[in-house]
């Protein structure tokens, strides 16, 4: 079973991501902040990470940079799920190591399609 870490400061978004992905057969772990996400990622290897960009404390960009510094996260797809659509920020996210981008609010099918594209 493929495992996905979802990092978002919004409990309702985390719940929605977990619901959609667990119904599709993925094992989902939730984190409510960038630092919590990093701690969970340091303790366990995930097949994919779905993270918010704007979070208090460690934001999604900082989280991606930290994850990319871990050898266990070299080839792991990391997708931003955010309300942000600014091309400059997308470019910065790509430079930090993001592999994909989705805007909120998201459709269930859209999220599944992105995850399946990366995880099969």
N, C-alpha and C. Protein backbone atom coordinates (compact mmCIF):
# COMPACT_ATOMS: atom_id res chain seq x y z
N UNK A 1 0.84 -1.19 0.00
CA UNK A 1 0.00 0.00 0.00
C UNK A 1 0.89 1.25 0.00
N UNK A 2 0.63 2.15 -0.92
CA UNK A 2 1.41 3.39 -1.03
C UNK A 2 1.00 4.35 0.09
N UNK A 3 1.99 5.05 0.63
CA UNK A 3 1.70 5.97 1.74
C UNK A 3 1.87 7.42 1.31
N UNK A 4 0.95 8.26 1.77
CA UNK A 4 0.95 9.69 1.43
C UNK A 4 0.92 10.50 2.72
N UNK A 5 1.78 11.50 2.80
CA UNK A 5 1.78 12.44 3.92
C UNK A 5 1.08 13.70 3.45
N UNK A 6 0.01 14.11 4.16
CA UNK A 6 -0.67 15.36 3.81
C UNK A 6 -0.41 16.38 4.91
N UNK A 7 0.11 17.55 4.50
CA UNK A 7 0.48 18.59 5.45
C UNK A 7 -0.33 19.86 5.15
N UNK A 8 -1.17 20.24 6.11
CA UNK A 8 -2.01 21.43 5.90
C UNK A 8 -2.47 21.92 7.27
N UNK A 9 -2.50 23.24 7.47
CA UNK A 9 -2.96 23.76 8.76
C UNK A 9 -4.48 23.76 8.86
N UNK A 10 -5.18 23.41 7.79
CA UNK A 10 -6.64 23.33 7.82
C UNK A 10 -7.10 21.88 8.04
N UNK A 11 -7.71 21.60 9.20
CA UNK A 11 -8.17 20.24 9.48
C UNK A 11 -9.16 19.73 8.43
N UNK A 12 -10.01 20.61 7.90
CA UNK A 12 -11.00 20.16 6.92
C UNK A 12 -10.34 19.74 5.61
N UNK A 13 -9.30 20.45 5.19
CA UNK A 13 -8.58 20.07 3.96
C UNK A 13 -7.88 18.73 4.18
N UNK A 14 -7.19 18.58 5.33
CA UNK A 14 -6.52 17.30 5.63
C UNK A 14 -7.52 16.15 5.61
N UNK A 15 -8.66 16.39 6.22
CA UNK A 15 -9.70 15.35 6.30
C UNK A 15 -10.19 14.97 4.90
N UNK A 16 -10.37 15.97 4.04
CA UNK A 16 -10.84 15.72 2.68
C UNK A 16 -9.81 14.93 1.88
N UNK A 17 -8.54 15.33 1.99
CA UNK A 17 -7.46 14.62 1.29
C UNK A 17 -7.40 13.18 1.79
N UNK A 18 -7.45 13.01 3.13
CA UNK A 18 -7.39 11.66 3.70
C UNK A 18 -8.54 10.79 3.21
N UNK A 19 -9.75 11.36 3.22
CA UNK A 19 -10.93 10.62 2.79
C UNK A 19 -10.82 10.15 1.34
N UNK A 20 -10.48 11.07 0.45
CA UNK A 20 -10.37 10.76 -0.98
C UNK A 20 -9.31 9.69 -1.22
N UNK A 21 -8.13 9.88 -0.61
CA UNK A 21 -7.02 8.97 -0.88
C UNK A 21 -7.16 7.62 -0.18
N UNK A 22 -7.71 7.62 1.05
CA UNK A 22 -7.85 6.34 1.74
C UNK A 22 -8.92 5.49 1.07
N UNK A 23 -9.97 6.12 0.52
CA UNK A 23 -11.00 5.38 -0.22
C UNK A 23 -10.41 4.75 -1.48
N UNK A 24 -9.34 5.37 -2.00
CA UNK A 24 -8.69 4.85 -3.21
C UNK A 24 -7.59 3.83 -2.87
N UNK A 25 -7.44 3.54 -1.57
CA UNK A 25 -6.49 2.50 -1.18
C UNK A 25 -5.11 2.98 -0.77
N UNK A 26 -4.97 4.28 -0.50
CA UNK A 26 -3.69 4.80 -0.05
C UNK A 26 -3.69 4.91 1.48
N UNK A 27 -2.51 4.76 2.08
CA UNK A 27 -2.33 4.92 3.51
C UNK A 27 -1.96 6.38 3.74
N UNK A 28 -2.81 7.13 4.46
CA UNK A 28 -2.60 8.58 4.60
C UNK A 28 -2.25 8.96 6.03
N UNK A 29 -1.19 9.76 6.17
CA UNK A 29 -0.78 10.31 7.47
C UNK A 29 -0.97 11.82 7.38
N UNK A 30 -1.52 12.41 8.45
CA UNK A 30 -1.77 13.85 8.46
C UNK A 30 -0.79 14.60 9.37
N UNK A 31 -0.45 15.82 8.95
CA UNK A 31 0.34 16.73 9.79
C UNK A 31 -0.28 18.11 9.67
N UNK A 32 -0.38 18.83 10.80
CA UNK A 32 -1.04 20.13 10.82
C UNK A 32 -0.12 21.31 10.63
N UNK A 33 1.20 21.04 10.43
CA UNK A 33 2.15 22.13 10.22
C UNK A 33 3.36 21.59 9.49
N UNK A 34 4.16 22.51 8.95
CA UNK A 34 5.37 22.11 8.26
C UNK A 34 6.33 21.36 9.17
N UNK A 35 6.50 21.87 10.41
CA UNK A 35 7.44 21.22 11.33
C UNK A 35 6.93 19.84 11.75
N UNK A 36 5.62 19.69 11.92
CA UNK A 36 5.06 18.38 12.25
C UNK A 36 5.23 17.43 11.06
N UNK A 37 5.03 17.95 9.87
CA UNK A 37 5.21 17.15 8.66
C UNK A 37 6.64 16.67 8.52
N UNK A 38 7.60 17.56 8.82
CA UNK A 38 9.01 17.21 8.73
C UNK A 38 9.35 16.13 9.76
N UNK A 39 8.81 16.27 10.97
CA UNK A 39 9.06 15.28 12.02
C UNK A 39 8.54 13.90 11.60
N UNK A 40 7.32 13.87 11.04
CA UNK A 40 6.75 12.59 10.61
C UNK A 40 7.53 12.01 9.44
N UNK A 41 7.98 12.87 8.54
CA UNK A 41 8.74 12.42 7.37
C UNK A 41 10.14 11.93 7.77
N UNK A 42 10.66 12.48 8.85
CA UNK A 42 11.97 12.05 9.33
C UNK A 42 11.89 10.68 9.99
N UNK A 43 10.71 10.36 10.53
CA UNK A 43 10.53 9.10 11.25
C UNK A 43 10.11 7.96 10.32
N UNK A 44 9.52 8.28 9.17
CA UNK A 44 8.97 7.25 8.29
C UNK A 44 9.09 7.71 6.84
N UNK A 45 9.35 6.77 5.93
CA UNK A 45 9.43 7.13 4.52
C UNK A 45 8.03 7.11 3.91
N UNK A 46 7.70 8.14 3.14
CA UNK A 46 6.41 8.20 2.45
C UNK A 46 6.65 8.09 0.95
N UNK A 47 5.64 7.61 0.22
CA UNK A 47 5.75 7.49 -1.23
C UNK A 47 5.43 8.81 -1.92
N UNK A 48 4.72 9.70 -1.19
CA UNK A 48 4.33 10.98 -1.77
C UNK A 48 3.97 11.95 -0.64
N UNK A 49 4.16 13.25 -0.90
CA UNK A 49 3.77 14.28 0.06
C UNK A 49 2.86 15.28 -0.65
N UNK A 50 1.74 15.63 0.00
CA UNK A 50 0.85 16.68 -0.50
C UNK A 50 0.85 17.75 0.58
N UNK A 51 1.36 18.94 0.23
CA UNK A 51 1.49 19.99 1.26
C UNK A 51 0.87 21.31 0.84
N UNK A 52 0.39 22.03 1.83
CA UNK A 52 -0.10 23.39 1.66
C UNK A 52 1.13 24.30 1.55
N UNK A 53 0.95 25.48 1.00
CA UNK A 53 2.05 26.44 0.91
C UNK A 53 2.05 27.36 2.13
N UNK A 54 0.93 28.03 2.36
CA UNK A 54 0.84 29.03 3.42
C UNK A 54 0.41 28.39 4.74
N UNK A 55 1.38 28.22 5.63
CA UNK A 55 1.10 27.69 6.96
C UNK A 55 1.91 28.50 7.96
N UNK A 56 1.38 28.65 9.19
CA UNK A 56 2.15 29.37 10.21
C UNK A 56 3.41 28.59 10.56
N UNK A 57 4.47 29.30 10.96
CA UNK A 57 5.72 28.62 11.28
C UNK A 57 6.43 28.24 10.00
N UNK A 58 6.72 26.96 9.84
CA UNK A 58 7.40 26.48 8.63
C UNK A 58 6.39 26.36 7.49
N UNK A 59 6.56 27.15 6.42
CA UNK A 59 5.62 27.05 5.30
C UNK A 59 5.98 25.89 4.37
N UNK A 60 5.19 25.70 3.35
CA UNK A 60 5.37 24.58 2.44
C UNK A 60 6.69 24.62 1.68
N UNK A 61 7.15 25.81 1.32
CA UNK A 61 8.44 25.93 0.60
C UNK A 61 9.59 25.47 1.50
N UNK A 62 9.58 25.93 2.75
CA UNK A 62 10.63 25.53 3.70
C UNK A 62 10.57 24.02 3.94
N UNK A 63 9.35 23.48 4.04
CA UNK A 63 9.18 22.04 4.25
C UNK A 63 9.79 21.26 3.08
N UNK A 64 9.50 21.69 1.86
CA UNK A 64 10.03 20.99 0.69
C UNK A 64 11.56 21.03 0.69
N UNK A 65 12.14 22.18 1.00
CA UNK A 65 13.61 22.28 1.04
C UNK A 65 14.19 21.32 2.07
N UNK A 66 13.53 21.23 3.24
CA UNK A 66 14.00 20.33 4.30
C UNK A 66 13.86 18.87 3.86
N UNK A 67 12.73 18.53 3.23
CA UNK A 67 12.51 17.15 2.78
C UNK A 67 13.53 16.77 1.71
N UNK A 68 13.79 17.68 0.78
CA UNK A 68 14.73 17.40 -0.30
C UNK A 68 16.16 17.21 0.23
N UNK A 69 16.42 17.72 1.44
CA UNK A 69 17.74 17.55 2.05
C UNK A 69 17.90 16.15 2.65
N UNK A 70 16.78 15.45 2.87
CA UNK A 70 16.82 14.08 3.40
C UNK A 70 17.04 13.11 2.25
N UNK A 71 18.01 12.20 2.40
CA UNK A 71 18.30 11.27 1.31
C UNK A 71 17.10 10.39 0.97
N UNK A 72 16.26 10.08 1.97
CA UNK A 72 15.10 9.21 1.74
C UNK A 72 14.00 9.90 0.91
N UNK A 73 14.12 11.22 0.70
CA UNK A 73 13.10 11.94 -0.06
C UNK A 73 13.60 12.43 -1.42
N UNK A 74 14.72 11.89 -1.88
CA UNK A 74 15.28 12.33 -3.16
C UNK A 74 14.29 12.19 -4.32
N UNK A 75 13.69 11.02 -4.49
CA UNK A 75 12.82 10.83 -5.65
C UNK A 75 11.33 10.86 -5.33
N UNK A 76 10.99 11.30 -4.12
CA UNK A 76 9.59 11.28 -3.68
C UNK A 76 8.83 12.47 -4.26
N UNK A 77 7.69 12.21 -4.95
CA UNK A 77 6.90 13.33 -5.48
C UNK A 77 6.32 14.18 -4.35
N UNK A 78 6.46 15.49 -4.49
CA UNK A 78 5.88 16.43 -3.52
C UNK A 78 4.98 17.39 -4.30
N UNK A 79 3.70 17.40 -3.94
CA UNK A 79 2.72 18.22 -4.65
C UNK A 79 2.17 19.30 -3.73
N UNK A 80 2.16 20.54 -4.23
CA UNK A 80 1.54 21.64 -3.49
C UNK A 80 0.04 21.61 -3.72
N UNK A 81 -0.72 21.77 -2.65
CA UNK A 81 -2.16 21.94 -2.73
C UNK A 81 -2.42 23.27 -2.05
N UNK A 82 -2.70 24.31 -2.84
CA UNK A 82 -2.74 25.66 -2.28
C UNK A 82 -3.73 26.57 -2.99
N UNK A 83 -4.09 27.66 -2.33
CA UNK A 83 -4.96 28.67 -2.95
C UNK A 83 -4.13 29.61 -3.82
N UNK A 84 -2.81 29.51 -3.70
CA UNK A 84 -1.87 30.39 -4.40
C UNK A 84 -1.76 30.01 -5.88
N UNK A 85 -1.83 30.98 -6.78
CA UNK A 85 -1.67 30.65 -8.21
C UNK A 85 -0.67 31.56 -8.91
N UNK A 86 0.08 32.33 -8.14
CA UNK A 86 1.08 33.25 -8.68
C UNK A 86 2.22 32.47 -9.37
N UNK A 87 2.47 32.75 -10.67
CA UNK A 87 3.52 32.04 -11.41
C UNK A 87 4.91 32.14 -10.77
N UNK A 88 5.21 33.27 -10.14
CA UNK A 88 6.51 33.45 -9.48
C UNK A 88 6.66 32.47 -8.32
N UNK A 89 5.58 32.28 -7.59
CA UNK A 89 5.62 31.34 -6.45
C UNK A 89 5.70 29.90 -6.97
N UNK A 90 5.00 29.63 -8.06
CA UNK A 90 5.08 28.30 -8.67
C UNK A 90 6.53 28.00 -9.07
N UNK A 91 7.20 29.00 -9.64
CA UNK A 91 8.58 28.85 -10.07
C UNK A 91 9.49 28.58 -8.87
N UNK A 92 9.24 29.32 -7.79
CA UNK A 92 10.02 29.14 -6.56
C UNK A 92 9.80 27.74 -5.99
N UNK A 93 8.56 27.27 -6.05
CA UNK A 93 8.22 25.93 -5.55
C UNK A 93 8.94 24.86 -6.37
N UNK A 94 8.96 25.06 -7.68
CA UNK A 94 9.64 24.12 -8.57
C UNK A 94 11.14 24.09 -8.25
N UNK A 95 11.71 25.27 -8.05
CA UNK A 95 13.13 25.37 -7.72
C UNK A 95 13.43 24.69 -6.38
N UNK A 96 12.48 24.75 -5.44
CA UNK A 96 12.67 24.12 -4.13
C UNK A 96 12.57 22.60 -4.22
N UNK A 97 11.95 22.10 -5.30
CA UNK A 97 11.85 20.66 -5.45
C UNK A 97 10.44 20.11 -5.55
N UNK A 98 9.44 20.99 -5.71
CA UNK A 98 8.06 20.51 -5.87
C UNK A 98 7.91 19.82 -7.22
N UNK A 99 7.15 18.72 -7.25
CA UNK A 99 6.95 18.00 -8.51
C UNK A 99 5.61 18.30 -9.15
N UNK A 100 4.69 18.89 -8.38
CA UNK A 100 3.37 19.19 -8.93
C UNK A 100 2.69 20.30 -8.15
N UNK A 101 1.55 20.75 -8.69
CA UNK A 101 0.84 21.91 -8.14
C UNK A 101 -0.65 21.74 -8.37
N UNK A 102 -1.44 21.89 -7.33
CA UNK A 102 -2.90 21.89 -7.47
C UNK A 102 -3.46 23.07 -6.70
N UNK A 103 -4.50 23.69 -7.25
CA UNK A 103 -5.09 24.81 -6.53
C UNK A 103 -6.35 24.37 -5.77
N UNK A 104 -6.55 25.00 -4.61
CA UNK A 104 -7.76 24.77 -3.81
C UNK A 104 -8.80 25.77 -4.29
N UNK A 105 -10.07 25.49 -4.22
CA UNK A 105 -10.61 24.18 -3.84
C UNK A 105 -10.35 23.15 -4.93
N UNK A 106 -10.18 21.89 -4.55
CA UNK A 106 -9.88 20.86 -5.53
C UNK A 106 -11.05 19.89 -5.70
N UNK A 107 -11.09 19.27 -6.86
CA UNK A 107 -12.08 18.22 -7.13
C UNK A 107 -11.47 16.89 -6.72
N UNK A 108 -12.30 16.00 -6.18
CA UNK A 108 -11.82 14.66 -5.78
C UNK A 108 -11.09 13.97 -6.92
N UNK A 109 -11.69 14.00 -8.12
CA UNK A 109 -11.10 13.31 -9.27
C UNK A 109 -9.75 13.91 -9.65
N UNK A 110 -9.65 15.22 -9.50
CA UNK A 110 -8.41 15.93 -9.83
C UNK A 110 -7.29 15.47 -8.89
N UNK A 111 -7.58 15.40 -7.59
CA UNK A 111 -6.59 14.96 -6.61
C UNK A 111 -6.17 13.52 -6.90
N UNK A 112 -7.14 12.65 -7.14
CA UNK A 112 -6.83 11.25 -7.44
C UNK A 112 -5.98 11.12 -8.69
N UNK A 113 -6.31 11.88 -9.71
CA UNK A 113 -5.56 11.82 -10.97
C UNK A 113 -4.11 12.22 -10.75
N UNK A 114 -3.87 13.25 -9.97
CA UNK A 114 -2.50 13.70 -9.70
C UNK A 114 -1.73 12.64 -8.91
N UNK A 115 -2.36 12.09 -7.88
CA UNK A 115 -1.69 11.09 -7.06
C UNK A 115 -1.42 9.83 -7.87
N UNK A 116 -2.39 9.40 -8.68
CA UNK A 116 -2.21 8.21 -9.50
C UNK A 116 -1.13 8.42 -10.58
N UNK A 117 -1.03 9.65 -11.08
CA UNK A 117 0.00 9.95 -12.08
C UNK A 117 1.40 9.70 -11.49
N UNK A 118 1.58 10.07 -10.23
CA UNK A 118 2.89 9.91 -9.59
C UNK A 118 3.09 8.54 -8.97
N UNK A 119 2.02 7.94 -8.45
CA UNK A 119 2.18 6.68 -7.71
C UNK A 119 1.66 5.46 -8.47
N UNK A 120 0.88 5.68 -9.53
CA UNK A 120 0.35 4.56 -10.31
C UNK A 120 -0.80 3.86 -9.60
